[in-house]
Amino acid sequence: MLEVRGLTKRYTTVTAIDDVSFAVKPYEVLGYLGPNGSGKSTTVNIITGLLEPTRGEVLFEGRSIQAQLIDYKRRLGYVPESPHLYPYLTGREYLQLVGRLRGMARRTLDSKIDDLLQLFSLGSSRHSPIASYSKGMRQKILISAALLHNPDILVFDEPLSGLDVASALVFRNLVKTLAREGKIILYSSHVLEVVEKVCTHVMILRKGRVAANDSVEGLRNLMQMPSLEDIFSELVLDQDIETTANAIVDVMKHP
């Protein structure tokens, strides 16, 4: 189990997250939601070991990740929202680099790379530099890199970015399959309809604090609302959506 206890992160006068707690068990997919500036990225950076909290801790299998950071990262797969790839490496070379850094045996690594590139429809581009790849192709490389070592924990931050419809459908089914395999999955996204379809549980952040944390069905019953979009709007948005949209159009029309 991955457990977050009382996470708080402060930057001088700004509190990014304040006393955030939740848990994700094997076989669960937690949808992590919130508007821009709500603290999602800060939480993800702490969970992936890239940032230390001001207060609180992240536990994996009952132990603080800070006490076992190297071992913890070996068991973690991460697709970041803002990736940094090596543009002059080919897709295959990049995955080889990631696999070797993770200590994978060459024969196993090469076989997995070839299979993943083929399954993600990148086989014909495996020897082309990443600089020539489209955004969607780069995203597939990032997803492949996260899956390569068969991690126990997967953190997906806007994983559908740039993917075409067919690839997005494959990925949605992949997330469900990974959950059935017992993986612990944190899925951070702004695409509410996808979160509603792939996640077993949802946590919503508002201004750095937890606004809701329950199963998708539990939230629907609690809020007496049919969709996650309605729930999100009720809990998080300060302005009326329709009024704001009409006001924007009025500004456009103003001579």
C-alpha atoms as a PDB file:
ATOM      1  CA  MET A   1       0.000   0.000   0.000  1.00  0.00           C
ATOM      2  CA  LEU A   2       1.064   3.571  -0.733  1.00  0.00           C
ATOM      3  CA  GLU A   3       0.046   5.901   2.086  1.00  0.00           C
ATOM      4  CA  VAL A   4       0.303   9.678   2.313  1.00  0.00           C
ATOM      5  CA  ARG A   5       0.092  11.116   5.829  1.00  0.00           C
ATOM      6  CA  GLY A   6      -0.418  14.788   6.603  1.00  0.00           C
ATOM      7  CA  LEU A   7       1.624  16.120   3.683  1.00  0.00           C
ATOM      8  CA  THR A   8       2.293  19.841   3.862  1.00  0.00           C
ATOM      9  CA  LYS A   9       4.595  21.813   1.587  1.00  0.00           C
ATOM     10  CA  ARG A  10       5.342  25.489   2.147  1.00  0.00           C
ATOM     11  CA  TYR A  11       7.354  27.884  -0.029  1.00  0.00           C
ATOM     12  CA  THR A  12       8.142  30.957   2.126  1.00  0.00           C
ATOM     13  CA  THR A  13       4.699  32.621   2.213  1.00  0.00           C
ATOM     14  CA  VAL A  14       2.826  30.141  -0.009  1.00  0.00           C
ATOM     15  CA  THR A  15       1.392  26.826   1.177  1.00  0.00           C
ATOM     16  CA  ALA A  16       1.149  24.508  -1.843  1.00  0.00           C
ATOM     17  CA  ILE A  17      -0.515  21.606   0.010  1.00  0.00           C
ATOM     18  CA  ASP A  18      -1.835  21.511   3.549  1.00  0.00           C
ATOM     19  CA  ASP A  19      -2.329  18.311   5.575  1.00  0.00           C
ATOM     20  CA  VAL A  20      -3.064  16.025   2.605  1.00  0.00           C
ATOM     21  CA  SER A  21      -3.679  12.369   3.497  1.00  0.00           C
ATOM     22  CA  PHE A  22      -4.824   9.390   1.426  1.00  0.00           C
ATOM     23  CA  ALA A  23      -3.951   5.783   0.625  1.00  0.00           C
ATOM     24  CA  VAL A  24      -3.836   3.669  -2.531  1.00  0.00           C
ATOM     25  CA  LYS A  25      -3.946  -0.109  -2.247  1.00  0.00           C
ATOM     26  CA  PRO A  26      -2.954  -2.758  -4.785  1.00  0.00           C
ATOM     27  CA  TYR A  27      -5.684  -3.260  -7.414  1.00  0.00           C
ATOM     28  CA  GLU A  28      -6.827   0.362  -6.979  1.00  0.00           C
ATOM     29  CA  VAL A  29      -6.583   3.338  -9.339  1.00  0.00           C
ATOM     30  CA  LEU A  30      -6.805   6.682  -7.539  1.00  0.00           C
ATOM     31  CA  GLY A  31      -7.830   9.608  -9.709  1.00  0.00           C
ATOM     32  CA  TYR A  32      -6.067  12.705  -8.378  1.00  0.00           C
ATOM     33  CA  LEU A  33      -7.984  15.814  -9.408  1.00  0.00           C
ATOM     34  CA  GLY A  34      -7.902  19.550  -8.860  1.00  0.00           C
ATOM     35  CA  PRO A  35      -7.767  22.854 -10.744  1.00  0.00           C
ATOM     36  CA  ASN A  36      -4.487  24.525 -11.684  1.00  0.00           C
ATOM     37  CA  GLY A  37      -2.629  25.604  -8.563  1.00  0.00           C
ATOM     38  CA  SER A  38      -4.442  23.157  -6.286  1.00  0.00           C
ATOM     39  CA  GLY A  39      -1.257  21.281  -5.344  1.00  0.00           C
ATOM     40  CA  LYS A  40      -1.493  18.196  -7.552  1.00  0.00           C
ATOM     41  CA  SER A  41       1.971  18.579  -9.081  1.00  0.00           C
ATOM     42  CA  THR A  42       3.528  19.263  -5.682  1.00  0.00           C
ATOM     43  CA  THR A  43       1.990  16.068  -4.302  1.00  0.00           C
ATOM     44  CA  VAL A  44       3.156  14.043  -7.302  1.00  0.00           C
ATOM     45  CA  ASN A  45       6.698  15.413  -6.936  1.00  0.00           C
ATOM     46  CA  ILE A  46       6.761  14.366  -3.276  1.00  0.00           C
ATOM     47  CA  ILE A  47       5.338  10.898  -4.001  1.00  0.00           C
ATOM     48  CA  THR A  48       7.930  10.298  -6.728  1.00  0.00           C
ATOM     49  CA  GLY A  49      10.769  11.345  -4.419  1.00  0.00           C
ATOM     50  CA  LEU A  50      11.651  14.506  -6.335  1.00  0.00           C
ATOM     51  CA  LEU A  51      10.657  16.846  -3.509  1.00  0.00           C
ATOM     52  CA  GLU A  52      10.678  16.641   0.280  1.00  0.00           C
ATOM     53  CA  PRO A  53       7.636  17.792   2.256  1.00  0.00           C
ATOM     54  CA  THR A  54       7.751  20.485   4.904  1.00  0.00           C
ATOM     55  CA  ARG A  55       5.744  18.169   7.123  1.00  0.00           C
ATOM     56  CA  GLY A  56       4.203  14.705   6.822  1.00  0.00           C
ATOM     57  CA  GLU A  57       5.424  11.579   5.064  1.00  0.00           C
ATOM     58  CA  VAL A  58       4.835   9.079   2.290  1.00  0.00           C
ATOM     59  CA  LEU A  59       4.862   5.406   3.273  1.00  0.00           C
ATOM     60  CA  PHE A  60       5.242   2.385   1.017  1.00  0.00           C
ATOM     61  CA  GLU A  61       4.519  -0.989   2.579  1.00  0.00           C
ATOM     62  CA  GLY A  62       4.550   0.702   5.990  1.00  0.00           C
ATOM     63  CA  ARG A  63       7.973   2.367   5.672  1.00  0.00           C
ATOM     64  CA  SER A  64       8.854   5.968   4.871  1.00  0.00           C
ATOM     65  CA  ILE A  65      10.030   6.320   1.273  1.00  0.00           C
ATOM     66  CA  GLN A  66      12.807   8.644   2.474  1.00  0.00           C
ATOM     67  CA  ALA A  67      14.284   5.726   4.449  1.00  0.00           C
ATOM     68  CA  GLN A  68      14.328   3.489   1.356  1.00  0.00           C
ATOM     69  CA  LEU A  69      14.399   5.991  -1.512  1.00  0.00           C
ATOM     70  CA  ILE A  70      16.593   4.012  -3.935  1.00  0.00           C
ATOM     71  CA  ASP A  71      14.687   0.757  -3.443  1.00  0.00           C
ATOM     72  CA  TYR A  72      11.388   2.638  -3.620  1.00  0.00           C
ATOM     73  CA  LYS A  73      12.296   4.268  -6.940  1.00  0.00           C
ATOM     74  CA  ARG A  74      13.248   0.859  -8.340  1.00  0.00           C
ATOM     75  CA  ARG A  75       9.641  -0.183  -7.810  1.00  0.00           C
ATOM     76  CA  LEU A  76       8.162   3.014  -9.214  1.00  0.00           C
ATOM     77  CA  GLY A  77       7.118   3.842 -12.766  1.00  0.00           C
ATOM     78  CA  TYR A  78       6.417   7.500 -13.557  1.00  0.00           C
ATOM     79  CA  VAL A  79       5.005   9.315 -16.582  1.00  0.00           C
ATOM     80  CA  PRO A  80       5.574  13.054 -15.898  1.00  0.00           C
ATOM     81  CA  GLU A  81       3.380  15.848 -17.207  1.00  0.00           C
ATOM     82  CA  SER A  82       6.391  17.827 -18.500  1.00  0.00           C
ATOM     83  CA  PRO A  83       8.915  15.299 -19.826  1.00  0.00           C
ATOM     84  CA  HIS A  84      12.566  15.874 -20.624  1.00  0.00           C
ATOM     85  CA  LEU A  85      13.733  13.450 -23.305  1.00  0.00           C
ATOM     86  CA  TYR A  86      17.088  13.254 -25.062  1.00  0.00           C
ATOM     87  CA  PRO A  87      16.174  14.431 -28.588  1.00  0.00           C
ATOM     88  CA  TYR A  88      19.227  13.003 -30.354  1.00  0.00           C
ATOM     89  CA  LEU A  89      18.723   9.485 -29.037  1.00  0.00           C
ATOM     90  CA  THR A  90      16.445   7.161 -30.960  1.00  0.00           C
ATOM     91  CA  GLY A  91      13.382   5.812 -29.197  1.00  0.00           C
ATOM     92  CA  ARG A  92      15.088   2.456 -28.811  1.00  0.00           C
ATOM     93  CA  GLU A  93      18.292   4.016 -27.457  1.00  0.00           C
ATOM     94  CA  TYR A  94      16.351   6.034 -24.899  1.00  0.00           C
ATOM     95  CA  LEU A  95      14.577   2.925 -23.596  1.00  0.00           C
ATOM     96  CA  GLN A  96      17.898   1.055 -23.519  1.00  0.00           C
ATOM     97  CA  LEU A  97      19.360   3.872 -21.412  1.00  0.00           C
ATOM     98  CA  VAL A  98      16.431   3.766 -18.973  1.00  0.00           C
ATOM     99  CA  GLY A  99      16.581  -0.021 -18.714  1.00  0.00           C
ATOM    100  CA  ARG A 100      20.338  -0.084 -18.095  1.00  0.00           C
ATOM    101  CA  LEU A 101      20.050   2.603 -15.423  1.00  0.00           C
ATOM    102  CA  ARG A 102      17.509   0.331 -13.763  1.00  0.00           C
ATOM    103  CA  GLY A 103      19.927  -2.598 -13.930  1.00  0.00           C
ATOM    104  CA  MET A 104      17.902  -4.749 -16.320  1.00  0.00           C
ATOM    105  CA  ALA A 105      19.633  -7.660 -18.057  1.00  0.00           C
ATOM    106  CA  ARG A 106      20.450  -6.792 -21.675  1.00  0.00           C
ATOM    107  CA  ARG A 107      18.662  -9.761 -23.256  1.00  0.00           C
ATOM    108  CA  THR A 108      15.467  -9.186 -21.267  1.00  0.00           C
ATOM    109  CA  LEU A 109      15.678  -5.453 -21.871  1.00  0.00           C
ATOM    110  CA  ASP A 110      16.098  -5.687 -25.645  1.00  0.00           C
ATOM    111  CA  SER A 111      13.218  -8.146 -25.940  1.00  0.00           C
ATOM    112  CA  LYS A 112      10.893  -5.948 -23.878  1.00  0.00           C
ATOM    113  CA  ILE A 113      11.852  -2.823 -25.810  1.00  0.00           C
ATOM    114  CA  ASP A 114      11.136  -4.422 -29.170  1.00  0.00           C
ATOM    115  CA  ASP A 115       7.786  -5.754 -27.953  1.00  0.00           C
ATOM    116  CA  LEU A 116       6.676  -2.454 -26.412  1.00  0.00           C
ATOM    117  CA  LEU A 117       7.708  -0.404 -29.444  1.00  0.00           C
ATOM    118  CA  GLN A 118       5.751  -2.754 -31.688  1.00  0.00           C
ATOM    119  CA  LEU A 119       2.665  -2.728 -29.439  1.00  0.00           C
ATOM    120  CA  PHE A 120       2.713   1.072 -29.263  1.00  0.00           C
ATOM    121  CA  SER A 121       3.017   1.283 -33.081  1.00  0.00           C
ATOM    122  CA  LEU A 122       6.547   2.690 -32.887  1.00  0.00           C
ATOM    123  CA  GLY A 123       8.371  -0.235 -34.478  1.00  0.00           C
ATOM    124  CA  SER A 124       9.052   1.553 -37.762  1.00  0.00           C
ATOM    125  CA  SER A 125      10.391   4.625 -35.909  1.00  0.00           C
ATOM    126  CA  ARG A 126      12.571   2.835 -33.365  1.00  0.00           C
ATOM    127  CA  HIS A 127      15.811   3.921 -35.064  1.00  0.00           C
ATOM    128  CA  SER A 128      14.699   7.535 -35.687  1.00  0.00           C
ATOM    129  CA  PRO A 129      15.823  10.327 -33.332  1.00  0.00           C
ATOM    130  CA  ILE A 130      13.265  11.434 -30.759  1.00  0.00           C
ATOM    131  CA  ALA A 131      13.621  14.980 -32.155  1.00  0.00           C
ATOM    132  CA  SER A 132      11.658  13.770 -35.195  1.00  0.00           C
ATOM    133  CA  TYR A 133       8.836  12.248 -33.105  1.00  0.00           C
ATOM    134  CA  SER A 134       5.401  13.802 -32.727  1.00  0.00           C
ATOM    135  CA  LYS A 135       4.108  14.683 -29.248  1.00  0.00           C
ATOM    136  CA  GLY A 136       2.042  11.494 -29.182  1.00  0.00           C
ATOM    137  CA  MET A 137       5.025   9.344 -30.157  1.00  0.00           C
ATOM    138  CA  ARG A 138       7.114  10.894 -27.384  1.00  0.00           C
ATOM    139  CA  GLN A 139       4.325  10.181 -24.930  1.00  0.00           C
ATOM    140  CA  LYS A 140       4.350   6.518 -25.950  1.00  0.00           C
ATOM    141  CA  ILE A 141       8.098   6.393 -25.281  1.00  0.00           C
ATOM    142  CA  LEU A 142       7.516   7.842 -21.798  1.00  0.00           C
ATOM    143  CA  ILE A 143       4.796   5.288 -21.078  1.00  0.00           C
ATOM    144  CA  SER A 144       7.037   2.466 -22.319  1.00  0.00           C
ATOM    145  CA  ALA A 145       9.878   3.695 -20.089  1.00  0.00           C
ATOM    146  CA  ALA A 146       7.558   3.678 -17.063  1.00  0.00           C
ATOM    147  CA  LEU A 147       6.401   0.100 -17.736  1.00  0.00           C
ATOM    148  CA  LEU A 148       9.726  -1.402 -18.798  1.00  0.00           C
ATOM    149  CA  HIS A 149      10.811  -2.754 -15.391  1.00  0.00           C
ATOM    150  CA  ASN A 150       7.350  -4.016 -14.330  1.00  0.00           C
ATOM    151  CA  PRO A 151       6.985  -1.623 -11.353  1.00  0.00           C
ATOM    152  CA  ASP A 152       4.649  -2.130  -8.397  1.00  0.00           C
ATOM    153  CA  ILE A 153       3.627   1.550  -8.256  1.00  0.00           C
ATOM    154  CA  LEU A 154       2.654   3.631 -11.280  1.00  0.00           C
ATOM    155  CA  VAL A 155       2.200   7.399 -11.252  1.00  0.00           C
ATOM    156  CA  PHE A 156       0.598   8.815 -14.387  1.00  0.00           C
ATOM    157  CA  ASP A 157       0.489  12.624 -14.674  1.00  0.00           C
ATOM    158  CA  GLU A 158      -1.662  13.661 -17.665  1.00  0.00           C
ATOM    159  CA  PRO A 159      -0.704  10.437 -19.497  1.00  0.00           C
ATOM    160  CA  LEU A 160      -3.052  10.953 -22.473  1.00  0.00           C
ATOM    161  CA  SER A 161      -1.328  14.173 -23.544  1.00  0.00           C
ATOM    162  CA  GLY A 162      -0.780  14.046 -27.310  1.00  0.00           C
ATOM    163  CA  LEU A 163      -2.166  10.541 -27.805  1.00  0.00           C
ATOM    164  CA  ASP A 164      -4.551   9.913 -30.690  1.00  0.00           C
ATOM    165  CA  VAL A 165      -7.989   8.396 -30.045  1.00  0.00           C
ATOM    166  CA  ALA A 166      -6.917   4.806 -30.724  1.00  0.00           C
ATOM    167  CA  SER A 167      -3.841   5.052 -28.485  1.00  0.00           C
ATOM    168  CA  ALA A 168      -5.875   6.715 -25.733  1.00  0.00           C
ATOM    169  CA  LEU A 169      -8.385   3.852 -25.804  1.00  0.00           C
ATOM    170  CA  VAL A 170      -5.562   1.315 -25.577  1.00  0.00           C
ATOM    171  CA  PHE A 171      -4.051   3.196 -22.645  1.00  0.00           C
ATOM    172  CA  ARG A 172      -7.358   3.367 -20.789  1.00  0.00           C
ATOM    173  CA  ASN A 173      -7.716  -0.393 -21.054  1.00  0.00           C
ATOM    174  CA  LEU A 174      -4.060  -0.818 -20.103  1.00  0.00           C
ATOM    175  CA  VAL A 175      -4.635   1.057 -16.823  1.00  0.00           C
ATOM    176  CA  LYS A 176      -7.551  -1.233 -15.948  1.00  0.00           C
ATOM    177  CA  THR A 177      -5.473  -4.313 -16.801  1.00  0.00           C
ATOM    178  CA  LEU A 178      -2.548  -3.104 -14.681  1.00  0.00           C
ATOM    179  CA  ALA A 179      -4.930  -2.599 -11.745  1.00  0.00           C
ATOM    180  CA  ARG A 180      -6.212  -6.163 -12.136  1.00  0.00           C
ATOM    181  CA  GLU A 181      -2.575  -7.287 -11.947  1.00  0.00           C
ATOM    182  CA  GLY A 182      -2.341  -5.745  -8.468  1.00  0.00           C
ATOM    183  CA  LYS A 183      -0.491  -2.542  -9.319  1.00  0.00           C
ATOM    184  CA  ILE A 184      -0.862   0.584  -7.180  1.00  0.00           C
ATOM    185  CA  ILE A 185      -1.854   3.398  -9.550  1.00  0.00           C
ATOM    186  CA  LEU A 186      -2.087   7.160  -9.052  1.00  0.00           C
ATOM    187  CA  TYR A 187      -3.697   8.871 -12.035  1.00  0.00           C
ATOM    188  CA  SER A 188      -3.511  12.678 -12.124  1.00  0.00           C
ATOM    189  CA  SER A 189      -5.531  14.323 -14.870  1.00  0.00           C
ATOM    190  CA  HIS A 190      -7.856  17.133 -15.907  1.00  0.00           C
ATOM    191  CA  VAL A 191      -9.849  14.816 -18.215  1.00  0.00           C
ATOM    192  CA  LEU A 192     -12.723  13.997 -15.881  1.00  0.00           C
ATOM    193  CA  GLU A 193     -14.614  11.613 -18.170  1.00  0.00           C
ATOM    194  CA  VAL A 194     -11.529   9.387 -18.498  1.00  0.00           C
ATOM    195  CA  VAL A 195     -10.889   9.440 -14.742  1.00  0.00           C
ATOM    196  CA  GLU A 196     -14.506   8.402 -14.197  1.00  0.00           C
ATOM    197  CA  LYS A 197     -14.045   5.396 -16.497  1.00  0.00           C
ATOM    198  CA  VAL A 198     -10.644   4.092 -15.359  1.00  0.00           C
ATOM    199  CA  CYS A 199     -10.382   5.000 -11.659  1.00  0.00           C
ATOM    200  CA  THR A 200     -11.785   3.053  -8.721  1.00  0.00           C
ATOM    201  CA  HIS A 201     -11.364   5.979  -6.319  1.00  0.00           C
ATOM    202  CA  VAL A 202     -11.121   9.753  -6.635  1.00  0.00           C
ATOM    203  CA  MET A 203      -9.477  12.436  -4.546  1.00  0.00           C
ATOM    204  CA  ILE A 204     -10.172  16.103  -5.250  1.00  0.00           C
ATOM    205  CA  LEU A 205      -7.876  18.903  -4.103  1.00  0.00           C
ATOM    206  CA  ARG A 206      -9.013  22.486  -3.627  1.00  0.00           C
ATOM    207  CA  LYS A 207      -6.512  25.196  -2.696  1.00  0.00           C
ATOM    208  CA  GLY A 208      -4.054  22.631  -1.369  1.00  0.00           C
ATOM    209  CA  ARG A 209      -6.515  20.773   0.843  1.00  0.00           C
ATOM    210  CA  VAL A 210      -8.543  17.591   0.358  1.00  0.00           C
ATOM    211  CA  ALA A 211     -12.091  18.442  -0.755  1.00  0.00           C
ATOM    212  CA  ALA A 212     -13.208  14.833  -1.345  1.00  0.00           C
ATOM    213  CA  ASN A 213     -11.763  11.327  -1.113  1.00  0.00           C
ATOM    214  CA  ASP A 214     -13.952   8.298  -1.856  1.00  0.00           C
ATOM    215  CA  SER A 215     -14.790   5.667  -4.434  1.00  0.00           C
ATOM    216  CA  VAL A 216     -16.322   7.027  -7.650  1.00  0.00           C
ATOM    217  CA  GLU A 217     -19.666   5.423  -6.784  1.00  0.00           C
ATOM    218  CA  GLY A 218     -19.418   6.625  -3.183  1.00  0.00           C
ATOM    219  CA  LEU A 219     -18.944  10.217  -4.332  1.00  0.00           C
ATOM    220  CA  ARG A 220     -21.930   9.984  -6.678  1.00  0.00           C
ATOM    221  CA  ASN A 221     -24.131   8.695  -3.868  1.00  0.00           C
ATOM    222  CA  LEU A 222     -22.814  11.193  -1.323  1.00  0.00           C
ATOM    223  CA  MET A 223     -23.236  14.214  -3.579  1.00  0.00           C
ATOM    224  CA  GLN A 224     -26.430  12.921  -5.240  1.00  0.00           C
ATOM    225  CA  MET A 225     -24.974  13.818  -8.630  1.00  0.00           C
ATOM    226  CA  PRO A 226     -24.748  11.634 -11.751  1.00  0.00           C
ATOM    227  CA  SER A 227     -21.267  12.519 -13.021  1.00  0.00           C
ATOM    228  CA  LEU A 228     -17.788  13.322 -11.775  1.00  0.00           C
ATOM    229  CA  GLU A 229     -17.893  16.566 -13.756  1.00  0.00           C
ATOM    230  CA  ASP A 230     -20.920  17.749 -11.756  1.00  0.00           C
ATOM    231  CA  ILE A 231     -19.254  16.754  -8.474  1.00  0.00           C
ATOM    232  CA  PHE A 232     -16.009  18.513  -9.414  1.00  0.00           C
ATOM    233  CA  SER A 233     -17.878  21.687 -10.376  1.00  0.00           C
ATOM    234  CA  GLU A 234     -19.801  21.699  -7.101  1.00  0.00           C
ATOM    235  CA  LEU A 235     -16.751  21.126  -4.881  1.00  0.00           C
ATOM    236  CA  VAL A 236     -14.049  23.123  -6.632  1.00  0.00           C
ATOM    237  CA  LEU A 237     -15.252  25.837  -8.985  1.00  0.00           C
ATOM    238  CA  ASP A 238     -15.879  29.289  -7.534  1.00  0.00           C
ATOM    239  CA  GLN A 239     -17.462  30.772 -10.639  1.00  0.00           C
ATOM    240  CA  ASP A 240     -20.556  29.740 -12.584  1.00  0.00           C
ATOM    241  CA  ILE A 241     -19.312  27.953 -15.720  1.00  0.00           C
ATOM    242  CA  GLU A 242     -22.058  29.144 -18.065  1.00  0.00           C
ATOM    243  CA  THR A 243     -21.829  32.744 -16.840  1.00  0.00           C
ATOM    244  CA  THR A 244     -18.058  32.762 -17.346  1.00  0.00           C
ATOM    245  CA  ALA A 245     -18.357  31.289 -20.859  1.00  0.00           C
ATOM    246  CA  ASN A 246     -20.948  33.897 -21.835  1.00  0.00           C
ATOM    247  CA  ALA A 247     -18.772  36.693 -20.418  1.00  0.00           C
ATOM    248  CA  ILE A 248     -15.799  35.541 -22.525  1.00  0.00           C
ATOM    249  CA  VAL A 249     -17.945  35.566 -25.675  1.00  0.00           C
ATOM    250  CA  ASP A 250     -19.181  39.068 -24.774  1.00  0.00           C
ATOM    251  CA  VAL A 251     -15.571  40.279 -24.523  1.00  0.00           C
ATOM    252  CA  MET A 252     -14.833  38.765 -27.943  1.00  0.00           C
ATOM    253  CA  LYS A 253     -17.802  40.565 -29.502  1.00  0.00           C
ATOM    254  CA  HIS A 254     -16.980  43.928 -27.930  1.00  0.00           C
ATOM    255  CA  PRO A 255     -16.061  46.399 -30.704  1.00  0.00           C
END
